[in-house]
Amino acid sequence: MGNNVMGDLSGTLQAKLHTAVLPETIKIIGRNAFYNLSNLKNINLPDSITHIYDGAFGAAFDSMHIKITKLPDSLIMLGAGAFTNNKD
């Protein structure tokens, strides 16, 4: 993957990732990038994000964790099921 693509982190970071600070150079959040990272409490979505692919945040959040209340204005594509299986 290129330097401006956030790939799948779910396998290696499942229990470890609590905060994700994405640099402004990230343009794409890939398929299942944060899938099932249930310990994730904080994430920023920089204005550079243009694409969030299928399942990117699937099953990552529940009502005890975080909610994304605003998507970046630069977003031009939101994949099917990008937030699938989240409680809220």
PDB file of N, CA and C in Angstrom:
ATOM      1  N   MET A   1       0.833  -1.172   0.000  1.00  0.00           N
ATOM      2  CA  MET A   1       0.000   0.000   0.000  1.00  0.00           C
ATOM      3  C   MET A   1       0.883   1.243   0.000  1.00  0.00           C
ATOM      4  N   GLY A   2       0.369   2.297  -0.583  1.00  0.00           N
ATOM      5  CA  GLY A   2       1.117   3.543  -0.644  1.00  0.00           C
ATOM      6  C   GLY A   2       1.165   4.236   0.703  1.00  0.00           C
ATOM      7  N   ASN A   3       1.957   5.275   0.771  1.00  0.00           N
ATOM      8  CA  ASN A   3       2.122   6.017   2.012  1.00  0.00           C
ATOM      9  C   ASN A   3       0.877   6.795   2.428  1.00  0.00           C
ATOM     10  N   ASN A   4      -0.058   6.974   1.517  1.00  0.00           N
ATOM     11  CA  ASN A   4      -1.254   7.741   1.870  1.00  0.00           C
ATOM     12  C   ASN A   4      -2.478   6.858   2.073  1.00  0.00           C
ATOM     13  N   VAL A   5      -2.241   5.563   2.315  1.00  0.00           N
ATOM     14  CA  VAL A   5      -3.334   4.607   2.520  1.00  0.00           C
ATOM     15  C   VAL A   5      -3.168   3.933   3.876  1.00  0.00           C
ATOM     16  N   MET A   6      -4.232   3.946   4.681  1.00  0.00           N
ATOM     17  CA  MET A   6      -4.235   3.238   5.957  1.00  0.00           C
ATOM     18  C   MET A   6      -4.796   1.851   5.694  1.00  0.00           C
ATOM     19  N   GLY A   7      -3.963   0.822   5.862  1.00  0.00           N
ATOM     20  CA  GLY A   7      -4.381  -0.548   5.596  1.00  0.00           C
ATOM     21  C   GLY A   7      -4.964  -1.226   6.815  1.00  0.00           C
ATOM     22  N   ASP A   8      -5.120  -2.536   6.745  1.00  0.00           N
ATOM     23  CA  ASP A   8      -5.733  -3.345   7.792  1.00  0.00           C
ATOM     24  C   ASP A   8      -4.820  -3.443   9.008  1.00  0.00           C
ATOM     25  N   LEU A   9      -5.294  -2.960  10.146  1.00  0.00           N
ATOM     26  CA  LEU A   9      -4.547  -3.012  11.398  1.00  0.00           C
ATOM     27  C   LEU A   9      -5.114  -4.030  12.364  1.00  0.00           C
ATOM     28  N   SER A  10      -6.238  -4.610  12.032  1.00  0.00           N
ATOM     29  CA  SER A  10      -7.002  -5.390  13.009  1.00  0.00           C
ATOM     30  C   SER A  10      -6.263  -6.591  13.567  1.00  0.00           C
ATOM     31  N   GLY A  11      -5.478  -7.282  12.787  1.00  0.00           N
ATOM     32  CA  GLY A  11      -4.830  -8.486  13.271  1.00  0.00           C
ATOM     33  C   GLY A  11      -3.755  -8.231  14.303  1.00  0.00           C
ATOM     34  N   THR A  12      -2.926  -7.232  14.090  1.00  0.00           N
ATOM     35  CA  THR A  12      -1.781  -7.016  14.962  1.00  0.00           C
ATOM     36  C   THR A  12      -2.052  -6.102  16.140  1.00  0.00           C
ATOM     37  N   LEU A  13      -3.059  -5.271  16.050  1.00  0.00           N
ATOM     38  CA  LEU A  13      -3.265  -4.257  17.079  1.00  0.00           C
ATOM     39  C   LEU A  13      -4.566  -4.389  17.854  1.00  0.00           C
ATOM     40  N   GLN A  14      -5.246  -5.482  17.712  1.00  0.00           N
ATOM     41  CA  GLN A  14      -6.593  -5.606  18.276  1.00  0.00           C
ATOM     42  C   GLN A  14      -6.687  -5.159  19.726  1.00  0.00           C
ATOM     43  N   ALA A  15      -5.849  -5.618  20.595  1.00  0.00           N
ATOM     44  CA  ALA A  15      -5.962  -5.283  22.012  1.00  0.00           C
ATOM     45  C   ALA A  15      -5.117  -4.084  22.405  1.00  0.00           C
ATOM     46  N   LYS A  16      -4.303  -3.588  21.499  1.00  0.00           N
ATOM     47  CA  LYS A  16      -3.325  -2.574  21.860  1.00  0.00           C
ATOM     48  C   LYS A  16      -3.690  -1.154  21.477  1.00  0.00           C
ATOM     49  N   LEU A  17      -4.441  -0.952  20.434  1.00  0.00           N
ATOM     50  CA  LEU A  17      -4.679   0.386  19.916  1.00  0.00           C
ATOM     51  C   LEU A  17      -5.827   1.066  20.651  1.00  0.00           C
ATOM     52  N   HIS A  18      -5.512   2.150  21.343  1.00  0.00           N
ATOM     53  CA  HIS A  18      -6.515   2.916  22.076  1.00  0.00           C
ATOM     54  C   HIS A  18      -6.765   4.278  21.430  1.00  0.00           C
ATOM     55  N   THR A  19      -5.726   4.829  20.813  1.00  0.00           N
ATOM     56  CA  THR A  19      -5.813   6.131  20.160  1.00  0.00           C
ATOM     57  C   THR A  19      -5.159   6.042  18.790  1.00  0.00           C
ATOM     58  N   ALA A  20      -5.817   6.604  17.800  1.00  0.00           N
ATOM     59  CA  ALA A  20      -5.248   6.639  16.452  1.00  0.00           C
ATOM     60  C   ALA A  20      -5.210   8.096  15.991  1.00  0.00           C
ATOM     61  N   VAL A  21      -3.998   8.577  15.743  1.00  0.00           N
ATOM     62  CA  VAL A  21      -3.816   9.921  15.220  1.00  0.00           C
ATOM     63  C   VAL A  21      -3.324   9.767  13.792  1.00  0.00           C
ATOM     64  N   LEU A  22      -4.202  10.023  12.868  1.00  0.00           N
ATOM     65  CA  LEU A  22      -3.864   9.861  11.460  1.00  0.00           C
ATOM     66  C   LEU A  22      -3.260  11.155  10.928  1.00  0.00           C
ATOM     67  N   PRO A  23      -2.134  11.059  10.246  1.00  0.00           N
ATOM     68  CA  PRO A  23      -1.511  12.263   9.706  1.00  0.00           C
ATOM     69  C   PRO A  23      -2.308  12.827   8.532  1.00  0.00           C
ATOM     70  N   GLU A  24      -2.115  14.085   8.255  1.00  0.00           N
ATOM     71  CA  GLU A  24      -2.805  14.754   7.143  1.00  0.00           C
ATOM     72  C   GLU A  24      -2.446  14.144   5.793  1.00  0.00           C
ATOM     73  N   THR A  25      -1.400  13.337   5.730  1.00  0.00           N
ATOM     74  CA  THR A  25      -1.012  12.709   4.463  1.00  0.00           C
ATOM     75  C   THR A  25      -1.894  11.522   4.100  1.00  0.00           C
ATOM     76  N   ILE A  26      -2.653  11.001   5.068  1.00  0.00           N
ATOM     77  CA  ILE A  26      -3.545   9.869   4.804  1.00  0.00           C
ATOM     78  C   ILE A  26      -4.754  10.356   4.017  1.00  0.00           C
ATOM     79  N   LYS A  27      -4.992   9.723   2.878  1.00  0.00           N
ATOM     80  CA  LYS A  27      -6.132  10.075   2.040  1.00  0.00           C
ATOM     81  C   LYS A  27      -7.186   8.969   2.019  1.00  0.00           C
ATOM     82  N   ILE A  28      -6.745   7.735   2.242  1.00  0.00           N
ATOM     83  CA  ILE A  28      -7.632   6.581   2.108  1.00  0.00           C
ATOM     84  C   ILE A  28      -7.554   5.709   3.361  1.00  0.00           C
ATOM     85  N   ILE A  29      -8.707   5.361   3.913  1.00  0.00           N
ATOM     86  CA  ILE A  29      -8.775   4.365   4.980  1.00  0.00           C
ATOM     87  C   ILE A  29      -9.302   3.108   4.316  1.00  0.00           C
ATOM     88  N   GLY A  30      -8.436   2.118   4.231  1.00  0.00           N
ATOM     89  CA  GLY A  30      -8.725   0.903   3.474  1.00  0.00           C
ATOM     90  C   GLY A  30      -9.748  -0.014   4.116  1.00  0.00           C
ATOM     91  N   ARG A  31     -10.129  -1.010   3.336  1.00  0.00           N
ATOM     92  CA  ARG A  31     -11.123  -2.000   3.759  1.00  0.00           C
ATOM     93  C   ARG A  31     -10.686  -2.675   5.052  1.00  0.00           C
ATOM     94  N   ASN A  32     -11.574  -2.667   6.043  1.00  0.00           N
ATOM     95  CA  ASN A  32     -11.357  -3.312   7.343  1.00  0.00           C
ATOM     96  C   ASN A  32     -10.162  -2.762   8.122  1.00  0.00           C
ATOM     97  N   ALA A  33      -9.722  -1.550   7.821  1.00  0.00           N
ATOM     98  CA  ALA A  33      -8.528  -0.985   8.455  1.00  0.00           C
ATOM     99  C   ALA A  33      -8.609  -0.995   9.984  1.00  0.00           C
ATOM    100  N   PHE A  34      -9.740  -0.655  10.540  1.00  0.00           N
ATOM    101  CA  PHE A  34      -9.913  -0.616  11.988  1.00  0.00           C
ATOM    102  C   PHE A  34     -10.964  -1.623  12.441  1.00  0.00           C
ATOM    103  N   TYR A  35     -11.205  -2.635  11.650  1.00  0.00           N
ATOM    104  CA  TYR A  35     -12.253  -3.607  11.940  1.00  0.00           C
ATOM    105  C   TYR A  35     -12.020  -4.288  13.288  1.00  0.00           C
ATOM    106  N   ASN A  36     -13.042  -4.301  14.108  1.00  0.00           N
ATOM    107  CA  ASN A  36     -13.072  -5.014  15.388  1.00  0.00           C
ATOM    108  C   ASN A  36     -12.017  -4.531  16.386  1.00  0.00           C
ATOM    109  N   LEU A  37     -11.568  -3.301  16.272  1.00  0.00           N
ATOM    110  CA  LEU A  37     -10.639  -2.751  17.259  1.00  0.00           C
ATOM    111  C   LEU A  37     -11.456  -2.132  18.393  1.00  0.00           C
ATOM    112  N   SER A  38     -12.011  -2.977  19.211  1.00  0.00           N
ATOM    113  CA  SER A  38     -12.977  -2.549  20.221  1.00  0.00           C
ATOM    114  C   SER A  38     -12.364  -1.740  21.356  1.00  0.00           C
ATOM    115  N   ASN A  39     -11.045  -1.709  21.492  1.00  0.00           N
ATOM    116  CA  ASN A  39     -10.407  -0.892  22.525  1.00  0.00           C
ATOM    117  C   ASN A  39     -10.147   0.524  22.055  1.00  0.00           C
ATOM    118  N   LEU A  40     -10.409   0.810  20.802  1.00  0.00           N
ATOM    119  CA  LEU A  40     -10.180   2.135  20.248  1.00  0.00           C
ATOM    120  C   LEU A  40     -11.121   3.144  20.898  1.00  0.00           C
ATOM    121  N   LYS A  41     -10.546   4.166  21.500  1.00  0.00           N
ATOM    122  CA  LYS A  41     -11.345   5.174  22.191  1.00  0.00           C
ATOM    123  C   LYS A  41     -11.270   6.537  21.509  1.00  0.00           C
ATOM    124  N   ASN A  42     -10.182   6.827  20.850  1.00  0.00           N
ATOM    125  CA  ASN A  42      -9.991   8.130  20.228  1.00  0.00           C
ATOM    126  C   ASN A  42      -9.436   7.960  18.817  1.00  0.00           C
ATOM    127  N   ILE A  43     -10.008   8.691  17.888  1.00  0.00           N
ATOM    128  CA  ILE A  43      -9.489   8.702  16.529  1.00  0.00           C
ATOM    129  C   ILE A  43      -9.797  10.058  15.904  1.00  0.00           C
ATOM    130  N   ASN A  44      -8.833  10.550  15.168  1.00  0.00           N
ATOM    131  CA  ASN A  44      -9.098  11.757  14.396  1.00  0.00           C
ATOM    132  C   ASN A  44      -9.243  11.358  12.939  1.00  0.00           C
ATOM    133  N   LEU A  45     -10.113  12.014  12.246  1.00  0.00           N
ATOM    134  CA  LEU A  45     -10.237  11.814  10.802  1.00  0.00           C
ATOM    135  C   LEU A  45      -9.850  13.140  10.158  1.00  0.00           C
ATOM    136  N   PRO A  46      -8.595  13.241   9.705  1.00  0.00           N
ATOM    137  CA  PRO A  46      -8.134  14.516   9.154  1.00  0.00           C
ATOM    138  C   PRO A  46      -8.891  14.905   7.885  1.00  0.00           C
ATOM    139  N   ASP A  47      -8.868  16.175   7.582  1.00  0.00           N
ATOM    140  CA  ASP A  47      -9.568  16.682   6.403  1.00  0.00           C
ATOM    141  C   ASP A  47      -8.997  16.158   5.096  1.00  0.00           C
ATOM    142  N   SER A  48      -7.864  15.487   5.155  1.00  0.00           N
ATOM    143  CA  SER A  48      -7.271  14.927   3.939  1.00  0.00           C
ATOM    144  C   SER A  48      -7.957  13.643   3.470  1.00  0.00           C
ATOM    145  N   ILE A  49      -8.778  13.020   4.317  1.00  0.00           N
ATOM    146  CA  ILE A  49      -9.432  11.747   3.983  1.00  0.00           C
ATOM    147  C   ILE A  49     -10.427  11.959   2.843  1.00  0.00           C
ATOM    148  N   THR A  50     -10.238  11.182   1.769  1.00  0.00           N
ATOM    149  CA  THR A  50     -11.155  11.250   0.632  1.00  0.00           C
ATOM    150  C   THR A  50     -11.988   9.986   0.476  1.00  0.00           C
ATOM    151  N   HIS A  51     -11.467   8.856   0.946  1.00  0.00           N
ATOM    152  CA  HIS A  51     -12.154   7.570   0.778  1.00  0.00           C
ATOM    153  C   HIS A  51     -12.095   6.771   2.086  1.00  0.00           C
ATOM    154  N   ILE A  52     -13.234   6.220   2.491  1.00  0.00           N
ATOM    155  CA  ILE A  52     -13.298   5.257   3.587  1.00  0.00           C
ATOM    156  C   ILE A  52     -13.969   4.019   3.006  1.00  0.00           C
ATOM    157  N   TYR A  53     -13.209   2.929   2.925  1.00  0.00           N
ATOM    158  CA  TYR A  53     -13.698   1.735   2.245  1.00  0.00           C
ATOM    159  C   TYR A  53     -14.537   0.820   3.139  1.00  0.00           C
ATOM    160  N   ASP A  54     -15.126  -0.187   2.512  1.00  0.00           N
ATOM    161  CA  ASP A  54     -16.024  -1.144   3.159  1.00  0.00           C
ATOM    162  C   ASP A  54     -15.442  -1.678   4.464  1.00  0.00           C
ATOM    163  N   GLY A  55     -16.252  -1.657   5.505  1.00  0.00           N
ATOM    164  CA  GLY A  55     -15.865  -2.268   6.781  1.00  0.00           C
ATOM    165  C   GLY A  55     -14.732  -1.579   7.508  1.00  0.00           C
ATOM    166  N   ALA A  56     -14.337  -0.405   7.085  1.00  0.00           N
ATOM    167  CA  ALA A  56     -13.168   0.266   7.672  1.00  0.00           C
ATOM    168  C   ALA A  56     -13.237   0.355   9.189  1.00  0.00           C
ATOM    169  N   PHE A  57     -14.412   0.661   9.715  1.00  0.00           N
ATOM    170  CA  PHE A  57     -14.596   0.765  11.160  1.00  0.00           C
ATOM    171  C   PHE A  57     -15.611  -0.248  11.663  1.00  0.00           C
ATOM    172  N   GLY A  58     -15.817  -1.317  10.937  1.00  0.00           N
ATOM    173  CA  GLY A  58     -16.801  -2.324  11.310  1.00  0.00           C
ATOM    174  C   GLY A  58     -16.511  -2.926  12.673  1.00  0.00           C
ATOM    175  N   ALA A  59     -17.511  -2.953  13.516  1.00  0.00           N
ATOM    176  CA  ALA A  59     -17.432  -3.562  14.854  1.00  0.00           C
ATOM    177  C   ALA A  59     -16.336  -2.953  15.722  1.00  0.00           C
ATOM    178  N   ALA A  60     -15.921  -1.722  15.415  1.00  0.00           N
ATOM    179  CA  ALA A  60     -14.847  -1.102  16.183  1.00  0.00           C
ATOM    180  C   ALA A  60     -15.355  -0.322  17.386  1.00  0.00           C
ATOM    181  N   PHE A  61     -16.560   0.185  17.309  1.00  0.00           N
ATOM    182  CA  PHE A  61     -17.064   1.031  18.381  1.00  0.00           C
ATOM    183  C   PHE A  61     -18.310   0.415  19.003  1.00  0.00           C
ATOM    184  N   ASP A  62     -18.451   0.602  20.281  1.00  0.00           N
ATOM    185  CA  ASP A  62     -19.730   0.292  20.908  1.00  0.00           C
ATOM    186  C   ASP A  62     -20.122   1.486  21.770  1.00  0.00           C
ATOM    187  N   SER A  63     -21.215   1.422  22.432  1.00  0.00           N
ATOM    188  CA  SER A  63     -21.718   2.590  23.159  1.00  0.00           C
ATOM    189  C   SER A  63     -20.806   3.008  24.307  1.00  0.00           C
ATOM    190  N   MET A  64     -19.883   2.170  24.719  1.00  0.00           N
ATOM    191  CA  MET A  64     -18.952   2.517  25.789  1.00  0.00           C
ATOM    192  C   MET A  64     -17.702   3.194  25.236  1.00  0.00           C
ATOM    193  N   HIS A  65     -17.578   3.267  23.944  1.00  0.00           N
ATOM    194  CA  HIS A  65     -16.368   3.804  23.343  1.00  0.00           C
ATOM    195  C   HIS A  65     -16.665   5.124  22.637  1.00  0.00           C
ATOM    196  N   ILE A  66     -16.127   5.324  21.480  1.00  0.00           N
ATOM    197  CA  ILE A  66     -16.260   6.607  20.808  1.00  0.00           C
ATOM    198  C   ILE A  66     -17.300   6.585  19.702  1.00  0.00           C
ATOM    199  N   LYS A  67     -17.669   7.756  19.317  1.00  0.00           N
ATOM    200  CA  LYS A  67     -18.558   7.933  18.176  1.00  0.00           C
ATOM    201  C   LYS A  67     -17.911   8.953  17.261  1.00  0.00           C
ATOM    202  N   ILE A  68     -18.072   8.766  15.992  1.00  0.00           N
ATOM    203  CA  ILE A  68     -17.619   9.764  15.039  1.00  0.00           C
ATOM    204  C   ILE A  68     -18.835  10.615  14.719  1.00  0.00           C
ATOM    205  N   THR A  69     -18.756  11.885  15.040  1.00  0.00           N
ATOM    206  CA  THR A  69     -19.911  12.752  14.835  1.00  0.00           C
ATOM    207  C   THR A  69     -19.802  13.587  13.569  1.00  0.00           C
ATOM    208  N   LYS A  70     -18.588  13.687  13.012  1.00  0.00           N
ATOM    209  CA  LYS A  70     -18.408  14.472  11.804  1.00  0.00           C
ATOM    210  C   LYS A  70     -17.418  13.782  10.890  1.00  0.00           C
ATOM    211  N   LEU A  71     -17.817  13.604   9.666  1.00  0.00           N
ATOM    212  CA  LEU A  71     -16.914  13.066   8.664  1.00  0.00           C
ATOM    213  C   LEU A  71     -16.202  14.231   7.977  1.00  0.00           C
ATOM    214  N   PRO A  72     -14.984  14.010   7.482  1.00  0.00           N
ATOM    215  CA  PRO A  72     -14.244  15.096   6.835  1.00  0.00           C
ATOM    216  C   PRO A  72     -14.999  15.666   5.632  1.00  0.00           C
ATOM    217  N   ASP A  73     -14.905  16.965   5.444  1.00  0.00           N
ATOM    218  CA  ASP A  73     -15.533  17.617   4.295  1.00  0.00           C
ATOM    219  C   ASP A  73     -14.950  17.115   2.979  1.00  0.00           C
ATOM    220  N   SER A  74     -13.723  16.629   3.018  1.00  0.00           N
ATOM    221  CA  SER A  74     -13.042  16.149   1.813  1.00  0.00           C
ATOM    222  C   SER A  74     -13.519  14.768   1.358  1.00  0.00           C
ATOM    223  N   LEU A  75     -14.332  14.091   2.169  1.00  0.00           N
ATOM    224  CA  LEU A  75     -14.772  12.725   1.880  1.00  0.00           C
ATOM    225  C   LEU A  75     -15.624  12.673   0.610  1.00  0.00           C
ATOM    226  N   ILE A  76     -15.182  11.859  -0.351  1.00  0.00           N
ATOM    227  CA  ILE A  76     -15.943  11.719  -1.591  1.00  0.00           C
ATOM    228  C   ILE A  76     -16.510  10.309  -1.764  1.00  0.00           C
ATOM    229  N   MET A  77     -16.034   9.343  -0.955  1.00  0.00           N
ATOM    230  CA  MET A  77     -16.530   7.977  -1.064  1.00  0.00           C
ATOM    231  C   MET A  77     -16.564   7.334   0.308  1.00  0.00           C
ATOM    232  N   LEU A  78     -17.746   6.850   0.681  1.00  0.00           N
ATOM    233  CA  LEU A  78     -17.928   6.114   1.925  1.00  0.00           C
ATOM    234  C   LEU A  78     -18.429   4.732   1.552  1.00  0.00           C
ATOM    235  N   GLY A  79     -17.603   3.723   1.808  1.00  0.00           N
ATOM    236  CA  GLY A  79     -17.918   2.364   1.407  1.00  0.00           C
ATOM    237  C   GLY A  79     -19.104   1.774   2.144  1.00  0.00           C
ATOM    238  N   ALA A  80     -19.729   0.808   1.487  1.00  0.00           N
ATOM    239  CA  ALA A  80     -20.846   0.079   2.092  1.00  0.00           C
ATOM    240  C   ALA A  80     -20.358  -0.599   3.363  1.00  0.00           C
ATOM    241  N   GLY A  81     -21.085  -0.427   4.429  1.00  0.00           N
ATOM    242  CA  GLY A  81     -20.722  -1.091   5.675  1.00  0.00           C
ATOM    243  C   GLY A  81     -19.471  -0.544   6.330  1.00  0.00           C
ATOM    244  N   ALA A  82     -19.094   0.686   6.038  1.00  0.00           N
ATOM    245  CA  ALA A  82     -17.896   1.265   6.642  1.00  0.00           C
ATOM    246  C   ALA A  82     -17.981   1.254   8.165  1.00  0.00           C
ATOM    247  N   PHE A  83     -19.202   1.358   8.696  1.00  0.00           N
ATOM    248  CA  PHE A  83     -19.414   1.354  10.146  1.00  0.00           C
ATOM    249  C   PHE A  83     -20.334   0.207  10.563  1.00  0.00           C
ATOM    250  N   THR A  84     -20.319  -0.890   9.851  1.00  0.00           N
ATOM    251  CA  THR A  84     -21.174  -2.038  10.115  1.00  0.00           C
ATOM    252  C   THR A  84     -20.918  -2.655  11.479  1.00  0.00           C
ATOM    253  N   ASN A  85     -21.987  -3.138  12.085  1.00  0.00           N
ATOM    254  CA  ASN A  85     -21.951  -3.869  13.349  1.00  0.00           C
ATOM    255  C   ASN A  85     -21.458  -3.044  14.526  1.00  0.00           C
ATOM    256  N   ASN A  86     -21.695  -1.765  14.494  1.00  0.00           N
ATOM    257  CA  ASN A  86     -21.422  -0.907  15.643  1.00  0.00           C
ATOM    258  C   ASN A  86     -22.725  -0.701  16.384  1.00  0.00           C
ATOM    259  N   LYS A  87     -22.650  -0.616  17.695  1.00  0.00           N
ATOM    260  CA  LYS A  87     -23.869  -0.521  18.502  1.00  0.00           C
ATOM    261  C   LYS A  87     -24.585   0.791  18.339  1.00  0.00           C
ATOM    262  N   ASP A  88     -23.839   1.873  18.097  1.00  0.00           N
ATOM    263  CA  ASP A  88     -24.459   3.200  17.921  1.00  0.00           C
ATOM    264  C   ASP A  88     -24.076   3.799  16.601  1.00  0.00           C
TER     265      ASP A  88
END
